[in-house]
Protein backbone atom coordinates (compact mmCIF):
# COMPACT_ATOMS: atom_id res chain seq x y z
CA MET A 1 -34.71 23.72 18.59
CA ILE A 2 -32.11 21.62 16.77
CA GLU A 3 -29.38 23.25 18.86
CA ASN A 4 -31.00 21.86 21.99
CA LEU A 5 -31.06 18.33 20.56
CA LEU A 6 -27.44 18.70 19.48
CA ALA A 7 -26.53 19.70 23.03
CA TYR A 8 -28.44 16.65 24.25
CA GLN A 9 -26.47 14.42 21.86
CA VAL A 10 -23.16 15.82 23.08
CA ALA A 11 -24.02 14.95 26.67
CA ASP A 12 -25.51 11.64 25.56
CA ALA A 13 -22.21 10.77 23.88
CA ARG A 14 -20.52 10.87 27.30
CA LEU A 15 -23.13 8.50 28.68
CA ARG A 16 -22.76 6.17 25.70
CA LYS A 17 -19.00 6.14 26.18
CA ILE A 18 -19.53 4.75 29.68
CA GLU A 19 -22.05 2.22 28.38
CA MET A 20 -19.65 1.05 25.67
CA GLU A 21 -16.81 0.82 28.18
CA LEU A 22 -18.96 -1.37 30.42
CA SER A 23 -20.39 -3.55 27.65
CA GLY A 24 -16.97 -4.04 26.07
CA SER A 25 -15.14 -4.73 29.33
CA GLU A 26 -13.37 -8.06 29.84
CA GLU A 27 -15.22 -8.40 33.13
CA ARG A 28 -18.59 -8.37 31.39
CA LYS A 29 -17.47 -10.55 28.47
CA LYS A 30 -16.18 -13.26 30.79
CA ALA A 31 -19.22 -13.05 33.06
CA VAL A 32 -21.61 -13.26 30.09
CA SER A 33 -19.65 -16.13 28.54
CA ALA A 34 -19.75 -18.10 31.79
CA LYS A 35 -23.45 -17.40 32.33
CA LYS A 36 -24.28 -18.51 28.79
CA TYR A 37 -22.47 -21.81 29.33
CA ILE A 38 -24.23 -22.37 32.65
CA GLU A 39 -27.61 -21.68 31.05
CA THR A 40 -27.02 -24.03 28.08
CA ALA A 41 -25.44 -26.86 30.10
CA PRO A 42 -28.78 -28.41 31.21
CA GLU A 43 -29.99 -28.58 27.61
CA ASN A 44 -26.75 -30.27 26.55
CA VAL A 45 -27.07 -32.74 29.42
CA ASN A 46 -30.65 -33.54 28.39
CA LYS A 47 -29.50 -34.22 24.83
CA LEU A 48 -26.81 -36.56 26.12
CA ASP A 49 -29.38 -38.27 28.37
CA ASP A 50 -31.62 -38.90 25.37
CA LYS A 51 -28.72 -40.19 23.30
CA ALA A 52 -27.55 -42.43 26.15
CA ALA A 53 -31.06 -43.84 26.56
CA ASP A 54 -31.23 -44.66 22.85
CA LEU A 55 -27.83 -46.35 22.97
CA GLU A 56 -28.79 -48.32 26.06
CA ALA A 57 -31.91 -49.58 24.28
CA GLU A 58 -29.81 -50.57 21.23
CA LEU A 59 -27.27 -52.31 23.47
CA ASN A 60 -29.94 -54.26 25.35
CA LEU A 61 -31.49 -55.36 22.07
CA ALA A 62 -28.14 -56.48 20.68
CA VAL A 63 -27.30 -58.39 23.87
CA SER A 64 -30.74 -60.07 23.79
CA GLU A 65 -30.29 -61.05 20.14
CA THR A 66 -26.83 -62.42 20.97
CA ALA A 67 -28.24 -64.59 23.75
CA LYS A 68 -30.95 -65.98 21.45
CA ILE A 69 -28.45 -66.80 18.72
CA LYS A 70 -26.16 -68.56 21.19
CA GLU A 71 -29.10 -70.66 22.35
CA GLN A 72 -29.88 -71.57 18.73
CA GLN A 73 -26.23 -72.36 18.14
CA ALA A 74 -26.12 -74.64 21.15
CA GLU A 75 -29.22 -76.49 19.97
CA LEU A 76 -27.81 -76.97 16.47
CA GLU A 77 -24.46 -78.18 17.81
CA LYS A 78 -26.32 -80.65 20.01
CA ALA A 79 -28.36 -81.85 17.03
CA LEU A 80 -25.19 -82.16 14.93
CA LYS A 81 -23.84 -84.80 17.30
CA THR A 82 -26.84 -87.06 16.68
CA VAL A 83 -27.34 -86.81 12.90
CA GLU A 84 -26.31 -89.74 10.71
CA GLU A 85 -26.92 -88.47 7.20
CA PRO A 86 -24.05 -86.36 5.73
CA SER A 87 -26.54 -84.05 4.04
CA ASP A 88 -28.21 -83.32 7.39
CA ALA A 89 -24.84 -82.66 8.96
CA THR A 90 -23.92 -80.30 6.14
CA TYR A 91 -27.18 -78.40 6.56
CA LEU A 92 -26.67 -78.02 10.32
CA ILE A 93 -23.08 -76.87 9.83
CA GLU A 94 -24.26 -74.22 7.37
CA GLN A 95 -26.85 -73.03 9.87
CA ILE A 96 -24.23 -72.87 12.63
CA ASP A 97 -21.87 -70.91 10.35
CA GLU A 98 -24.64 -68.44 9.56
CA LEU A 99 -25.37 -67.96 13.26
CA MET A 100 -21.68 -67.42 13.97
CA ALA A 101 -21.54 -64.78 11.25
CA ASN A 102 -24.52 -63.04 12.82
CA LEU A 103 -22.81 -63.21 16.21
CA LYS A 104 -19.74 -61.54 14.72
CA VAL A 105 -21.88 -58.70 13.38
CA LEU A 106 -23.60 -58.31 16.74
CA ASP A 107 -20.25 -58.34 18.58
CA GLY A 108 -19.07 -55.48 16.35
CA LYS A 109 -22.31 -53.60 16.98
CA ILE A 110 -22.03 -54.08 20.74
CA SER A 111 -18.41 -52.88 20.68
CA LYS A 112 -19.41 -49.78 18.73
CA ILE A 113 -22.34 -48.97 21.05
CA THR A 114 -20.14 -49.53 24.10
CA ALA A 115 -17.54 -47.11 22.70
CA GLU A 116 -20.24 -44.49 22.03
CA ILE A 117 -21.54 -44.87 25.58
CA GLN A 118 -18.02 -44.34 26.93
CA THR A 119 -17.75 -41.21 24.79
CA ILE A 120 -21.02 -39.91 26.24
CA LEU A 121 -19.83 -40.62 29.76
CA GLY A 122 -16.73 -38.59 28.95
CA GLU A 123 -18.89 -35.74 27.68
CA PHE A 124 -20.97 -35.87 30.86
CA SER A 125 -17.78 -35.60 32.91
CA SER A 126 -16.52 -32.74 30.73
CA ILE A 127 -19.77 -30.79 31.09
CA LYS A 128 -19.67 -31.28 34.85
CA LYS A 129 -16.11 -29.95 35.07
CA MET A 130 -16.76 -27.06 32.68
CA THR A 131 -19.97 -26.10 34.50
CA LYS A 132 -18.07 -25.96 37.77
CA ALA A 133 -15.38 -23.81 36.13
CA ALA A 134 -18.03 -21.57 34.55
CA GLN A 135 -19.76 -21.10 37.89
CA ALA A 136 -16.46 -20.02 39.44
CA GLN A 137 -15.75 -17.69 36.50
CA TYR A 138 -19.22 -16.16 36.69
CA ALA A 139 -18.89 -15.57 40.43
CA GLU A 140 -15.48 -13.92 39.97
CA PHE A 141 -16.11 -11.76 36.93
CA GLY A 142 -19.75 -11.08 37.77
CA LYS A 143 -18.52 -9.41 40.95
CA LYS A 144 -15.75 -7.56 39.08
CA TYR A 145 -18.29 -6.30 36.54
CA ASN A 146 -20.66 -5.14 39.26
CA ASP A 147 -17.75 -3.35 40.93
CA LEU A 148 -16.87 -1.70 37.62
CA LYS A 149 -20.49 -0.57 37.13
CA ALA A 150 -20.56 0.77 40.67
CA SER A 151 -17.40 2.77 39.99
CA LYS A 152 -19.13 4.48 37.06
CA GLN A 153 -22.45 5.01 38.78
CA GLY A 154 -21.68 8.47 40.14
CA GLU A 155 -20.55 9.73 36.74
CA ARG A 156 -23.61 8.18 35.08
CA GLU A 157 -26.00 9.84 37.49
CA VAL A 158 -24.46 13.26 36.85
CA ILE A 159 -24.81 12.82 33.07
CA GLU A 160 -28.34 11.40 33.34
CA LYS A 161 -29.36 14.37 35.46
CA GLU A 162 -27.88 16.71 32.86
CA LEU A 163 -29.75 14.88 30.11
CA GLU A 164 -33.04 15.22 31.95
CA GLY A 165 -32.49 18.97 32.10
CA LEU A 166 -31.58 19.23 28.43
CA LYS A 167 -34.53 17.04 27.46
CA LYS A 168 -36.97 19.69 28.66
CA ASN A 169 -35.73 22.09 25.99
CA VAL A 170 -36.26 19.65 23.09
CA ASP A 171 -39.51 19.21 21.18
CA PRO A 172 -41.15 16.03 22.61
CA ALA A 173 -41.81 14.50 19.19
CA LEU A 174 -38.21 15.10 18.13
CA MET A 175 -36.96 13.71 21.42
CA GLU A 176 -39.07 10.59 21.01
CA ARG A 177 -37.59 9.96 17.56
CA TYR A 178 -34.11 10.40 18.92
CA LEU A 179 -34.65 8.01 21.83
CA LYS A 180 -36.16 5.32 19.61
CA LYS A 181 -33.09 5.40 17.39
CA ARG A 182 -30.88 5.38 20.47
CA ALA A 183 -32.68 2.24 21.68
CA ASN A 184 -32.11 0.65 18.26
CA LYS A 185 -28.37 1.30 18.63
CA ILE A 186 -28.25 3.90 15.85
CA TYR A 187 -25.46 6.22 16.93
CA PRO A 188 -24.50 9.01 16.48
CA ILE A 189 -28.08 9.89 15.69
CA LEU A 190 -28.06 13.50 14.52
CA TYR A 191 -26.07 14.56 11.46
CA GLU A 192 -25.76 17.81 9.57
CA VAL A 193 -26.38 17.72 5.83
CA THR A 194 -23.53 19.02 3.70
CA GLY A 195 -24.62 20.15 0.27
CA ASN A 196 -27.14 17.56 -0.84
CA ILE A 197 -25.78 14.41 0.85
CA CYS A 198 -26.32 12.67 4.19
CA GLY A 199 -23.53 13.55 6.60
CA SER A 200 -23.39 9.93 7.79
CA CYS A 201 -23.65 7.61 4.78
CA ASN A 202 -23.13 10.09 1.93
CA MET A 203 -26.39 9.16 0.23
CA GLU A 204 -27.62 11.84 -2.16
CA LEU A 205 -30.85 13.41 -0.95
CA SER A 206 -33.83 14.12 -3.15
CA MET A 207 -35.09 17.63 -3.93
CA ALA A 208 -38.17 16.96 -1.76
CA GLU A 209 -35.97 15.96 1.17
CA LEU A 210 -33.76 19.01 0.73
CA SER A 211 -36.85 21.21 0.64
CA LYS A 212 -38.03 19.82 3.96
CA LEU A 213 -34.60 20.37 5.49
CA LYS A 214 -34.47 23.96 4.25
CA ASN A 215 -37.86 24.54 5.87
CA GLY A 216 -36.33 23.57 9.21
CA GLU A 217 -37.56 19.98 9.36
CA VAL A 218 -35.45 17.11 10.72
CA ILE A 219 -35.75 14.13 8.40
CA ASP A 220 -34.62 10.50 8.58
CA CYS A 221 -32.11 9.24 6.05
CA GLU A 222 -33.68 6.41 4.06
CA MET A 223 -30.32 4.65 3.81
CA CYS A 224 -28.80 4.76 7.31
CA GLY A 225 -31.75 5.91 9.43
CA LYS A 226 -29.89 8.87 10.93
CA MET A 227 -31.70 12.11 11.73
CA LEU A 228 -30.61 14.88 9.36
CA TYR A 229 -30.78 18.65 9.62
CA ILE A 230 -29.45 21.77 7.92
CA SER A 231 -27.72 24.34 10.05
CA LYS A 232 -29.34 27.80 10.04
CA LYS A 233 -26.00 29.50 10.65
């Protein structure tokens, strides 16, 4: 029975070679890269929208505070012209100086927020350009990848048909184990035990495991997960 599964693995290796060629192709890599950017672009735009909204709120608040301070400054300067006592004049001048210092802080804050908004606008523009480029790349390399897959389709169908035939000669339970490991990207799956070690990872097998193998069982290596057998030859 193990010979039938080995024959299946040999044919399966040809199919996997095609799969690896397709998955590792530049056409697929560039198509996948472009698609990923296109898919993440809306989320990035939303984040920028939220950040821009927060900055706009901060800017509006700073501008409002600036206007209020300027009104207070104007009132104090008006009052300064009418005071007679030096102490009153000194007090008003100190108040005006304090307001001017606050205005300076607000001016710096407004400049900083304005610069951040300009940066965000630049990022918006960059995302727009890069999305357009990604869409063009996806269209180009998506088609090239589909063409590449189509060129391998005939060969794949021949191998898949062969595998279906070979599958009939393998114990269903053994075949199910094999296919599960195949789906989990464990490959090659079936290894022959040499002496008392796993043929894949070289882990030493226990006496109980060796006993099962000698009785014709196919076991799973606890270390690498490969299916192990002992040849009857």
